[in-house]
Structure formats: structure tokens, C-alpha cells
Amino acid sequence: MVFRNMKVVCLFWAVLLVTVTATANPGWINLRSFGVLPSNTGAINRDNLQRAIDEASRNGGVLFLEPVAEGYEIASGVVLKENVSLQGGSPVSPRGSRHPNRAAPVGSLIKITDDAHPFIYVQSATAISNLQFWYPEQSYANPEAIKPYPPTITLEKSGRVEGVTLSALTFYGEYETMDFRATPERHCELLLVRDCYGYPLSGKFITIDYCYDIPRILDCHVNPAIMRSFDRTYGKAMVDAVIRNQTYAYQIDHTDNAQLIDVFTFGTYGGILLGAESYGQLTNFNFDCVTIGIHKRGANTFNRNWMVAQGSIIANTGEDIQSIHPILVEGSGHLSLSNVEAFSGHNPALTTVGKSYGYLMVRDADELTVSISGARMANYIADHPIAKVNSDQAVITVATSFDKKNNVLSGIF
């Protein structure tokens, strides 16, 4: 066979290499052999995928979704059973992949059109990686037409879920991305999410509740430009609608020593909600164009403590200036802030006020301590960057920090 176009040659060998690799490795199964095909209906592909999962779960194995130009329509309600990994051949695509002939993504792509169930439920000892999830019927320009799809990935709640790894995943048009809300009786453990990209139209990217034994969120990115490569960037009206939901991109509660490293969000109401029954570390982050950057609650003084370092918050949008806070703290416990800057300004991607009320708002707090060092506080309207409301017992210490006038800020407040 003679190829005249070198791009075609490269694509041919790339697909061939991935396919050979998938079928050559012990335990790897190409889902085409189970009848998961681009030409099938979503219901047929779901049933065939579930059949493959059921068989692989007996001994453990990897199911491979081969990259194709058109993707695979798969109906919702898939259960990823224990000991099974669902793998694709798509790299992380933070601005989307692009079909060569039309405005659509391409690759190991799952197309979801029904809203009957969350797309996939995960059990213990499971993994999903190198896949793209697309809701092609979701509105990308009209806020009134947004479809509230169920979460793309969630927990299977018939039993305790222990050990889930989600990596190198890209989401297009989802309403809620990953919902890991468990219960006290059937809690989750050892959840790892890394290198995942999307922009949920509910504003909720990762929600974790009752997940003990160190849940970890690493290198994750929420941005309305997620579909830029195939001309579906969300405009100002869509971003404003997401912010009006008053939700948080990341939400953590009932956890032990949660770890969040290198997380980003743009154009959501809140960056992260640290629930009253959680503690852990948040480092190397950027919460851009939010109403509230970090919202920490606390239920006791023993271990409801968060260590937060090396981050930037741009709080500049909301219904009114009084509601815009880079950092909001309530309840009890401790918050340590090290090298966390906050500034503001306008951005044409959304409706902005352009300033925040202050740097830190402590509200309705009990026995609470906050330590701040190395902070740069700018573009706020209050006379002082730190405010306390109904929080006489709260103690706040500041060292080597600067206010909006570049004055050194230190002392006990």
C-alpha cells in the first residue's frame, strides 16, 4: 500500500501501535472484541461494555477502548466492577482534541446522550485512564438550555469502595464531573484523582464526602476553554450561569488528611469548600475569577485543621462586593496560610466586580485560630484586609505580609 500523505501514515502507525500494545499485554482486552463499536447504538455498546467488565472482573484485567475518529456512543449506567481497569489511548487534552473534518473531539472518546443515570459507577480496586467523555447534546452557548446531566463518574454504593484511580481524563459538556459522596456506613478509602480536565456546568468538578484514609487530588484543571480546539469555548453568559449556582469546583468533607496539589479553577462560584469534618493540605493552587476562593469550616479544635500554601486567589465576581472573599472561615479548628496571595481585577470572560471585600473574612467562628505568613493582599475595598464577624474567640496572627498599600502587616487580630 502506498501512502501519499505522511500525516495518514503517522496516524495509521500510531493507531496500529496502540492496538497491538493493547492486545499484546497480558490481561489487556480490546473492547472491539466484545462488540463495543463506533457504529453501534449507545444501549448496545453499554450492554457489551458491561459484559466485558463482568468477565474481566473474575480474574482482573484491562479493557482497552481503541481511539477512533467518531468516538463511541455509550448509554449511562455502566458499573465498573472490582479488579477492572478501563483504559483509552487519548492523552490529556486540556483544550480538547479535534476531529479533522468537523467541530468535535476525536480519540478514545465516549459520547453520552442520555440522562437516566450517572455514566459509570466505580467499585473497589478499579481504574479509569486516558479517556475523553463528551456530552454532544449539551448547550455550549445558551444558559437556558443547559441540561442537568447526572455525574459522569460516581461511587457504586452497594458496598464500601476502597481503591479508585482516575487519571488523564478529559470531560466536555458535563454538568457534574465526579461525585464521590459516600456514607458513614459505606465510606470510601484511597481515592486518587490526577491529571483531569473539565468545566462542569453545575460548577462541581470533584465532590468528596466520607472518604477516609487520604483522598488525593493532583494536577487537576477546571476551565471554560476546555473545548477550544473544536470551537466550543463557553462564553460569558455560560460562565455567569455557572457562577450563579453558588457551588464549589472542589468540595471535601468527612476526610482524613486529604491531599490537594496543583489544582486550578476558573469561573466557578467557589474554588474549594473544606468541610467541617475534614483536615489536610492544599498546596500549589490557583483559584481564578471566583466569588470565594477558599471556604473553610471546622467542627472541633482537635484535628479540623488545614495547611494551605503556595497559592493565588483572584476573587472578583459575585452578586455584590460584600459577598466576595478570597478566604472565608467559619466554625472552629485551625487554618495555616503560607505564601497565599489575593488580588483582583476584571476579566472579559465573565461579569466581574473587579475587587474583593477583603482578604480574610472570619464569620460565626468559635475556638478558631488562623496563622498567616508571606501573604500579599491587594485590590480589596475594606479598610482592613482581615474582618471578624460574630467571632470574638477567633485568634488571627499575621507575619511578614503586605496590605493593599504595601504596608507591612503583622500582629494579632
Protein backbone atom coordinates (compact mmCIF):
# COMPACT_ATOMS: atom_id res chain seq x y z
CA MET A 1 0.00 0.00 0.00
CA VAL A 2 1.33 3.43 -0.91
CA PHE A 3 0.54 6.42 1.28
CA ARG A 4 0.78 9.83 -0.30
CA ASN A 5 0.06 11.77 2.87
CA MET A 6 2.61 11.46 5.68
CA LYS A 7 0.00 12.51 8.26
CA VAL A 8 -2.07 9.50 7.27
CA VAL A 9 1.00 7.28 7.57
CA CYS A 10 1.73 8.57 11.07
CA LEU A 11 -1.89 8.17 12.18
CA PHE A 12 -2.02 4.64 10.77
CA TRP A 13 1.08 3.51 12.63
CA ALA A 14 0.08 5.30 15.85
CA VAL A 15 -3.29 3.53 15.92
CA LEU A 16 -1.67 0.23 14.95
CA LEU A 17 0.91 0.56 17.71
CA VAL A 18 -1.71 1.32 20.36
CA THR A 19 -3.89 -1.57 19.19
CA VAL A 20 -1.01 -4.05 19.15
CA THR A 21 0.11 -2.89 22.58
CA ALA A 22 -3.41 -3.27 23.93
CA THR A 23 -3.81 -6.81 22.67
CA ALA A 24 -0.25 -7.96 23.36
CA ASN A 25 -0.09 -7.17 27.06
CA PRO A 26 -1.37 -9.97 29.31
CA GLY A 27 -4.81 -9.15 30.69
CA TRP A 28 -5.50 -6.37 28.16
CA ILE A 29 -8.68 -6.79 26.14
CA ASN A 30 -9.64 -4.67 23.14
CA LEU A 31 -13.31 -3.79 23.64
CA ARG A 32 -13.95 -4.22 19.91
CA SER A 33 -13.76 -7.96 20.56
CA PHE A 34 -16.81 -7.57 22.81
CA GLY A 35 -18.73 -5.58 20.22
CA VAL A 36 -18.13 -2.06 21.54
CA LEU A 37 -18.12 -0.32 18.17
CA PRO A 38 -18.49 3.23 16.81
CA SER A 39 -21.39 2.08 14.62
CA ASN A 40 -23.49 0.70 17.48
CA THR A 41 -26.25 2.42 19.43
CA GLY A 42 -25.48 3.62 22.94
CA ALA A 43 -27.59 0.88 24.51
CA ILE A 44 -25.82 -1.91 22.60
CA ASN A 45 -22.39 -0.53 23.45
CA ARG A 46 -23.33 -0.20 27.13
CA ASP A 47 -24.52 -3.80 27.29
CA ASN A 48 -21.41 -5.06 25.51
CA LEU A 49 -19.13 -2.95 27.72
CA GLN A 50 -20.86 -4.26 30.83
CA ARG A 51 -20.46 -7.83 29.59
CA ALA A 52 -16.72 -7.23 29.11
CA ILE A 53 -16.44 -5.74 32.60
CA ASP A 54 -18.30 -8.67 34.15
CA GLU A 55 -15.91 -11.16 32.55
CA ALA A 56 -12.76 -9.18 33.35
CA SER A 57 -13.80 -8.80 36.97
CA ARG A 58 -13.45 -12.52 37.58
CA ASN A 59 -9.66 -12.54 37.31
CA GLY A 60 -8.77 -8.87 36.88
CA GLY A 61 -7.79 -7.21 33.63
CA VAL A 62 -7.55 -4.10 31.49
CA LEU A 63 -10.23 -3.15 28.97
CA PHE A 64 -8.93 -1.01 26.14
CA LEU A 65 -11.06 1.49 24.20
CA GLU A 66 -9.30 1.94 20.88
CA PRO A 67 -9.06 5.53 19.52
CA VAL A 68 -11.33 6.17 16.53
CA ALA A 69 -12.38 9.25 14.58
CA GLU A 70 -16.05 9.21 15.59
CA GLY A 71 -15.88 8.03 19.19
CA TYR A 72 -18.29 5.58 20.82
CA GLU A 73 -21.81 6.35 21.96
CA ILE A 74 -22.38 4.50 25.22
CA ALA A 75 -25.54 4.72 27.31
CA SER A 76 -25.28 5.54 31.01
CA GLY A 77 -25.47 3.17 33.96
CA VAL A 78 -22.23 1.22 33.48
CA VAL A 79 -20.83 -0.43 36.63
CA LEU A 80 -17.03 -0.76 36.71
CA LYS A 81 -16.64 -3.83 38.91
CA GLU A 82 -13.76 -4.79 41.16
CA ASN A 83 -10.35 -5.56 39.66
CA VAL A 84 -11.08 -3.92 36.29
CA SER A 85 -9.27 -1.03 34.60
CA LEU A 86 -10.88 0.89 31.74
CA GLN A 87 -8.14 2.41 29.59
CA GLY A 88 -8.03 4.52 26.47
CA GLY A 89 -5.34 5.80 24.15
CA SER A 90 -6.08 9.52 24.41
CA PRO A 91 -3.61 11.90 26.04
CA VAL A 92 -4.87 14.57 28.40
CA SER A 93 -6.34 17.30 26.19
CA PRO A 94 -6.86 20.47 28.26
CA ARG A 95 -8.16 22.40 25.23
CA GLY A 96 -9.81 19.43 23.56
CA SER A 97 -8.88 17.14 20.71
CA ARG A 98 -10.22 17.89 17.21
CA HIS A 99 -11.88 15.85 14.51
CA PRO A 100 -10.22 16.52 11.11
CA ASN A 101 -13.49 17.46 9.38
CA ARG A 102 -15.92 18.87 11.95
CA ALA A 103 -16.26 20.55 15.32
CA ALA A 104 -15.94 17.51 17.57
CA PRO A 105 -13.30 15.71 19.64
CA VAL A 106 -11.63 12.50 18.49
CA GLY A 107 -9.84 9.53 20.06
CA SER A 108 -10.77 7.19 22.90
CA LEU A 109 -13.97 9.17 23.18
CA ILE A 110 -17.17 8.21 24.99
CA LYS A 111 -20.26 10.08 23.80
CA ILE A 112 -23.05 10.35 26.38
CA THR A 113 -26.52 11.49 25.34
CA ASP A 114 -28.95 10.07 27.92
CA ASP A 115 -29.54 11.39 31.43
CA ALA A 116 -31.06 8.32 33.05
CA HIS A 117 -28.09 7.56 35.32
CA PRO A 118 -24.56 8.64 36.14
CA PHE A 119 -22.44 7.36 33.28
CA ILE A 120 -20.26 4.99 35.31
CA TYR A 121 -20.28 3.66 38.87
CA VAL A 122 -16.91 2.55 40.27
CA GLN A 123 -16.30 -0.24 42.76
CA SER A 124 -13.13 -1.07 44.71
CA ALA A 125 -9.80 -1.76 43.01
CA THR A 126 -10.75 -0.02 39.78
CA ALA A 127 -9.07 2.47 37.47
CA ILE A 128 -10.07 4.69 34.54
CA SER A 129 -7.46 6.49 32.46
CA ASN A 130 -6.69 8.19 29.12
CA LEU A 131 -10.32 8.65 28.09
CA GLN A 132 -12.45 11.57 26.95
CA PHE A 133 -16.12 11.98 27.90
CA TRP A 134 -18.35 14.15 25.72
CA TYR A 135 -21.97 15.25 26.04
CA PRO A 136 -22.61 16.31 22.42
CA GLU A 137 -26.21 17.44 23.10
CA GLN A 138 -25.23 19.80 25.94
CA SER A 139 -25.68 23.51 25.32
CA TYR A 140 -22.46 25.45 24.96
CA ALA A 141 -23.96 28.88 24.19
CA ASN A 142 -27.44 29.17 25.76
CA PRO A 143 -27.61 29.11 29.59
CA GLU A 144 -31.35 28.46 29.49
CA ALA A 145 -30.76 25.21 27.62
CA ILE A 146 -28.21 23.66 30.00
CA LYS A 147 -29.10 20.02 30.67
CA PRO A 148 -28.53 18.88 34.29
CA TYR A 149 -26.96 15.52 33.49
CA PRO A 150 -26.11 13.20 36.41
CA PRO A 151 -22.41 12.99 37.37
CA THR A 152 -20.12 11.36 34.84
CA ILE A 153 -18.32 9.23 37.45
CA THR A 154 -19.64 8.25 40.87
CA LEU A 155 -19.34 5.57 43.55
CA GLU A 156 -21.22 2.29 43.43
CA LYS A 157 -22.91 2.42 46.82
CA SER A 158 -23.96 -1.16 47.49
CA GLY A 159 -20.73 -1.65 49.45
CA ARG A 160 -17.60 0.09 50.67
CA VAL A 161 -15.37 1.39 47.87
CA GLU A 162 -11.63 1.13 48.54
CA GLY A 163 -9.03 1.98 45.94
CA VAL A 164 -10.07 4.01 42.89
CA THR A 165 -7.59 5.65 40.50
CA LEU A 166 -8.77 8.16 37.89
CA SER A 167 -6.11 9.69 35.69
CA ALA A 168 -5.63 11.53 32.39
CA LEU A 169 -9.35 12.13 31.84
CA THR A 170 -10.94 14.98 29.89
CA PHE A 171 -14.60 15.98 30.14
CA TYR A 172 -16.61 18.04 27.64
CA GLY A 173 -20.07 19.40 28.37
CA GLU A 174 -20.68 17.57 31.63
CA TYR A 175 -22.98 19.03 34.28
CA GLU A 176 -21.28 17.44 37.31
CA THR A 177 -17.98 15.69 36.79
CA MET A 178 -17.07 13.39 39.69
CA ASP A 179 -19.34 12.72 42.67
CA PHE A 180 -17.71 10.71 45.45
CA ARG A 181 -20.23 11.24 48.23
CA ALA A 182 -20.29 8.11 50.37
CA THR A 183 -21.96 7.39 53.72
CA PRO A 184 -20.66 6.76 57.27
CA GLU A 185 -21.59 3.07 56.97
CA ARG A 186 -20.17 2.59 53.49
CA HIS A 187 -17.40 5.09 53.23
CA CYS A 188 -14.71 5.40 50.58
CA GLU A 189 -10.96 4.96 51.00
CA LEU A 190 -7.84 5.53 48.91
CA LEU A 191 -9.27 7.68 46.17
CA LEU A 192 -6.76 9.16 43.71
CA VAL A 193 -7.72 11.68 41.01
CA ARG A 194 -4.95 13.16 38.88
CA ASP A 195 -4.41 14.98 35.57
CA CYS A 196 -8.12 15.53 34.94
CA TYR A 197 -9.65 18.43 32.99
CA GLY A 198 -13.17 19.77 32.50
CA TYR A 199 -15.67 22.56 33.15
CA PRO A 200 -18.84 21.27 34.84
CA LEU A 201 -21.88 23.44 34.16
CA SER A 202 -23.08 22.89 37.73
CA GLY A 203 -19.74 24.24 38.97
CA LYS A 204 -18.99 20.94 40.75
CA PHE A 205 -15.88 19.17 39.47
CA ILE A 206 -14.89 16.88 42.37
CA THR A 207 -17.08 16.32 45.43
CA ILE A 208 -15.78 14.01 48.17
CA ASP A 209 -17.62 13.06 51.37
CA TYR A 210 -16.89 10.27 53.83
CA CYS A 211 -13.66 9.28 52.16
CA TYR A 212 -11.12 8.32 54.79
CA ASP A 213 -7.51 7.21 54.50
CA ILE A 214 -6.09 10.04 52.42
CA PRO A 215 -8.05 11.02 49.33
CA ARG A 216 -5.71 12.76 46.83
CA ILE A 217 -6.46 15.28 44.09
CA LEU A 218 -3.41 16.12 41.97
CA ASP A 219 -2.84 18.28 38.90
CA CYS A 220 -6.47 18.96 38.05
CA HIS A 221 -7.77 21.86 35.97
CA VAL A 222 -11.25 23.42 35.58
CA ASN A 223 -11.60 25.91 32.73
CA PRO A 224 -14.38 27.07 30.34
CA ALA A 225 -11.89 26.88 27.45
CA ILE A 226 -11.87 23.07 27.70
CA MET A 227 -13.38 22.70 24.19
CA ARG A 228 -11.43 25.46 22.47
CA SER A 229 -9.77 23.16 19.93
CA PHE A 230 -13.14 22.21 18.42
CA ASP A 231 -14.69 25.69 18.68
CA ARG A 232 -16.92 25.19 21.71
CA THR A 233 -15.41 27.56 24.28
CA TYR A 234 -18.04 28.67 26.80
CA GLY A 235 -18.87 32.37 26.50
CA LYS A 236 -19.60 34.99 29.14
CA ALA A 237 -23.28 34.12 29.60
CA MET A 238 -22.46 30.46 30.25
CA VAL A 239 -19.72 31.24 32.77
CA ASP A 240 -22.03 33.68 34.59
CA ALA A 241 -24.68 30.94 34.78
CA VAL A 242 -22.20 28.52 36.34
CA ILE A 243 -21.23 31.08 38.99
CA ARG A 244 -24.89 31.71 39.86
CA ASN A 245 -25.14 28.08 41.04
CA GLN A 246 -23.05 29.08 44.09
CA THR A 247 -21.19 25.78 44.14
CA TYR A 248 -17.52 24.86 44.56
CA ALA A 249 -15.24 23.26 41.99
CA TYR A 250 -13.67 21.13 44.74
CA GLN A 251 -15.56 20.08 47.87
CA ILE A 252 -14.09 17.93 50.64
CA ASP A 253 -15.78 16.73 53.84
CA HIS A 254 -15.51 13.86 56.31
CA THR A 255 -11.96 13.04 55.27
CA ASP A 256 -8.69 12.19 56.98
CA ASN A 257 -5.65 14.15 55.82
CA ALA A 258 -6.85 14.97 52.32
CA GLN A 259 -4.12 15.99 49.87
CA LEU A 260 -4.65 18.53 47.09
CA ILE A 261 -1.66 19.60 44.99
CA ASP A 262 -1.62 21.75 41.85
CA VAL A 263 -5.36 22.36 41.47
CA PHE A 264 -6.92 25.11 39.37
CA THR A 265 -10.34 26.55 38.67
CA PHE A 266 -11.58 29.46 36.59
CA GLY A 267 -15.08 30.87 36.50
CA THR A 268 -16.80 28.98 39.31
CA TYR A 269 -18.51 30.49 42.36
CA GLY A 270 -16.09 28.82 44.75
CA GLY A 271 -12.61 27.37 44.46
CA ILE A 272 -12.73 24.86 47.30
CA LEU A 273 -15.00 24.09 50.24
CA LEU A 274 -13.14 22.47 53.14
CA GLY A 275 -15.94 20.88 55.14
CA ALA A 276 -16.39 20.99 58.91
CA GLU A 277 -15.30 17.36 59.33
CA SER A 278 -12.17 17.45 57.18
CA TYR A 279 -8.47 18.19 57.52
CA GLY A 280 -5.47 18.07 55.24
CA GLN A 281 -3.11 20.02 53.00
CA LEU A 282 -3.70 22.24 49.97
CA THR A 283 -0.63 23.42 48.07
CA ASN A 284 0.29 24.99 44.73
CA PHE A 285 -3.13 26.18 43.62
CA ASN A 286 -4.83 28.94 41.64
CA PHE A 287 -8.50 29.89 42.04
CA ASP A 288 -9.18 32.46 39.33
CA CYS A 289 -12.34 34.52 38.79
CA VAL A 290 -14.28 33.19 41.77
CA THR A 291 -16.56 34.70 44.42
CA ILE A 292 -14.97 32.74 47.28
CA GLY A 293 -11.56 31.16 46.87
CA ILE A 294 -11.23 29.03 50.00
CA HIS A 295 -14.16 28.39 52.33
CA LYS A 296 -13.06 26.55 55.47
CA ARG A 297 -15.40 25.22 58.11
CA GLY A 298 -14.49 23.34 61.27
CA ALA A 299 -16.32 21.24 63.86
CA ASN A 300 -13.66 20.91 66.60
CA THR A 301 -10.28 22.19 67.77
CA PHE A 302 -8.54 18.80 67.80
CA ASN A 303 -7.94 17.94 64.15
CA ARG A 304 -10.10 20.11 61.93
CA ASN A 305 -7.01 21.85 60.63
CA TRP A 306 -5.89 22.75 57.12
CA MET A 307 -2.38 23.66 56.00
CA VAL A 308 -2.61 25.87 52.88
CA ALA A 309 0.46 27.11 51.00
CA GLN A 310 1.80 28.49 47.73
CA GLY A 311 -1.36 29.73 46.08
CA SER A 312 -3.08 32.58 44.30
CA ILE A 313 -6.71 33.68 44.52
CA ILE A 314 -8.45 36.14 42.20
CA ALA A 315 -11.85 36.80 43.83
CA ASN A 316 -13.63 39.30 41.60
CA THR A 317 -17.16 38.15 40.77
CA GLY A 318 -20.45 37.85 42.61
CA GLU A 319 -23.80 39.46 43.26
CA ASP A 320 -22.24 42.27 45.31
CA ILE A 321 -18.88 43.27 46.70
CA GLN A 322 -19.88 42.24 50.25
CA SER A 323 -20.06 38.60 49.18
CA ILE A 324 -16.64 38.40 47.51
CA HIS A 325 -13.97 36.93 49.77
CA PRO A 326 -10.67 35.29 48.80
CA ILE A 327 -10.77 33.35 52.08
CA LEU A 328 -13.82 32.69 54.27
CA VAL A 329 -13.50 30.80 57.57
CA GLU A 330 -16.26 29.58 59.90
CA GLY A 331 -16.56 27.27 62.91
CA SER A 332 -13.55 26.03 64.87
CA GLY A 333 -10.17 24.42 64.24
CA HIS A 334 -7.08 25.93 62.64
CA LEU A 335 -6.07 27.33 59.25
CA SER A 336 -2.45 27.95 58.32
CA LEU A 337 -1.85 30.20 55.29
CA SER A 338 1.68 30.43 53.94
CA ASN A 339 2.56 32.44 50.82
CA VAL A 340 -1.05 32.79 49.66
CA GLU A 341 -1.70 35.94 47.65
CA ALA A 342 -5.03 37.51 46.72
CA PHE A 343 -5.62 40.16 44.13
CA SER A 344 -8.47 41.12 41.85
CA GLY A 345 -9.38 42.89 38.63
CA HIS A 346 -11.63 42.48 35.60
CA ASN A 347 -11.77 39.68 33.06
CA PRO A 348 -13.82 39.75 29.83
CA ALA A 349 -14.68 36.04 30.10
CA LEU A 350 -17.31 36.73 32.77
CA THR A 351 -19.14 39.50 34.62
CA THR A 352 -16.85 40.87 37.30
CA VAL A 353 -16.96 43.40 40.11
CA GLY A 354 -13.20 43.71 39.85
CA LYS A 355 -12.44 43.81 43.57
CA SER A 356 -12.97 41.75 46.70
CA TYR A 357 -14.30 42.89 50.05
CA GLY A 358 -11.12 41.98 51.94
CA TYR A 359 -8.54 39.22 52.17
CA LEU A 360 -9.85 37.11 55.05
CA MET A 361 -13.38 37.01 56.48
CA VAL A 362 -13.86 35.09 59.73
CA ARG A 363 -17.57 34.61 60.39
CA ASP A 364 -19.53 32.89 63.15
CA ALA A 365 -16.38 31.24 64.47
CA ASP A 366 -15.92 29.54 67.84
CA GLU A 367 -12.48 28.46 69.09
CA LEU A 368 -10.62 29.20 65.90
CA THR A 369 -7.00 30.03 65.14
CA VAL A 370 -5.58 31.33 61.85
CA SER A 371 -1.92 31.94 61.09
CA ILE A 372 -0.84 33.97 58.03
CA SER A 373 2.68 34.48 56.72
CA GLY A 374 4.13 35.75 53.47
CA ALA A 375 0.77 36.97 52.17
CA ARG A 376 0.23 39.68 49.56
CA MET A 377 -3.22 41.26 49.89
CA ALA A 378 -4.47 43.64 47.17
CA ASN A 379 -7.49 45.09 45.37
CA TYR A 380 -9.95 44.94 48.25
CA ILE A 381 -12.28 47.73 49.35
CA ALA A 382 -12.38 47.27 53.13
CA ASP A 383 -10.30 49.49 55.38
CA HIS A 384 -8.55 46.40 56.74
CA PRO A 385 -7.93 43.13 54.87
CA ILE A 386 -8.98 40.97 57.85
CA ALA A 387 -12.50 41.07 59.25
CA LYS A 388 -14.19 39.18 62.09
CA VAL A 389 -17.98 38.91 62.41
CA ASN A 390 -19.51 37.19 65.47
CA SER A 391 -16.09 35.69 66.13
CA ASP A 392 -14.72 37.14 69.36
CA GLN A 393 -12.92 33.88 70.29
CA ALA A 394 -11.07 33.64 66.99
CA VAL A 395 -7.34 34.43 67.15
CA ILE A 396 -5.54 35.50 63.96
CA THR A 397 -1.80 36.03 63.72
CA VAL A 398 -0.07 37.70 60.77
CA ALA A 399 3.65 37.94 59.94
CA THR A 400 5.70 39.33 57.03
CA SER A 401 2.66 40.15 54.94
CA PHE A 402 1.56 43.23 52.98
CA ASP A 403 -1.77 45.01 52.64
CA LYS A 404 -3.17 46.86 49.61
CA LYS A 405 -0.99 49.90 50.30
CA ASN A 406 2.16 47.78 50.56
CA ASN A 407 2.28 48.37 54.30
CA VAL A 408 3.81 45.56 56.34
CA LEU A 409 1.04 43.75 58.15
CA SER A 410 1.86 41.86 61.34
CA GLY A 411 0.39 41.25 64.76
CA ILE A 412 -2.50 39.52 66.47
CA PHE A 413 -6.07 40.30 65.45
